[in-house]
Amino acid sequence: MTKSDIDEETSTTLKVFKFSGKDRIKWREWKIKTLAYARRKNFAEAFTKNYEDDELKNEENVLKKNLAIDYLISSLTDSAFTKVTSKTTDDPYLAWNILHQAYERREEEDLESVQVELSNMKMGNYEEPDDFYNNLLLVNERLSKISEKYELDDLQMKIHLLSKLPDEYQVTKKAIQVN
């Protein structure tokens, strides 16, 4: 095998990020990684564009569509795989919409569960403050997707962060509150 054979073979290999659908919170990470990979490989459009028959006469569009559905089918497992493949095995646009409907948080019915999660958040004794803050940002993002009116502003984020710090951060809390 020559170097060009290896390069050619590598360029057609799909790097697959797995998503089972069991943990709905993993949807965001999987979606972002999947779209980033698809953009890099030039098939992201096929997730959001429902190609018309005349557009599928273009070989590039057929290739995008095939790469997109192959990627989805390869990356999905368990319930996410079943949700998609029970409806389609050849339409990435339909498959992407099925996944969005099933896992994207933006419905009013999710508001209660996200607010409960927010109120139960507390930084653990061994947790890094940055990790706790990043989790808080993710929950706030989910609130904003439900409706912008539920998104916490900067002051509310600061208050929530300070109120959920462990006791050993009392000095830090006082310093921040003074400023």
Foldseek 3Di string as FASTA:
>chain_A
DDPVVVVVVVLPDDDAAADALPDLLCLVVRVVVLLVSLVVNVQNVQQADDDDPVNVVDVVNQVSQVVQLVRLCVRYHHPLNCQQVVPDSRRNNVSSVSCCVSRQQAAPVCLVVLVVVLVPDAADPPHDLVVSLVVNVSSLVSLVSNPVVRRDDPVRSLVSSLVRYDPVCVVVSVVVVVD
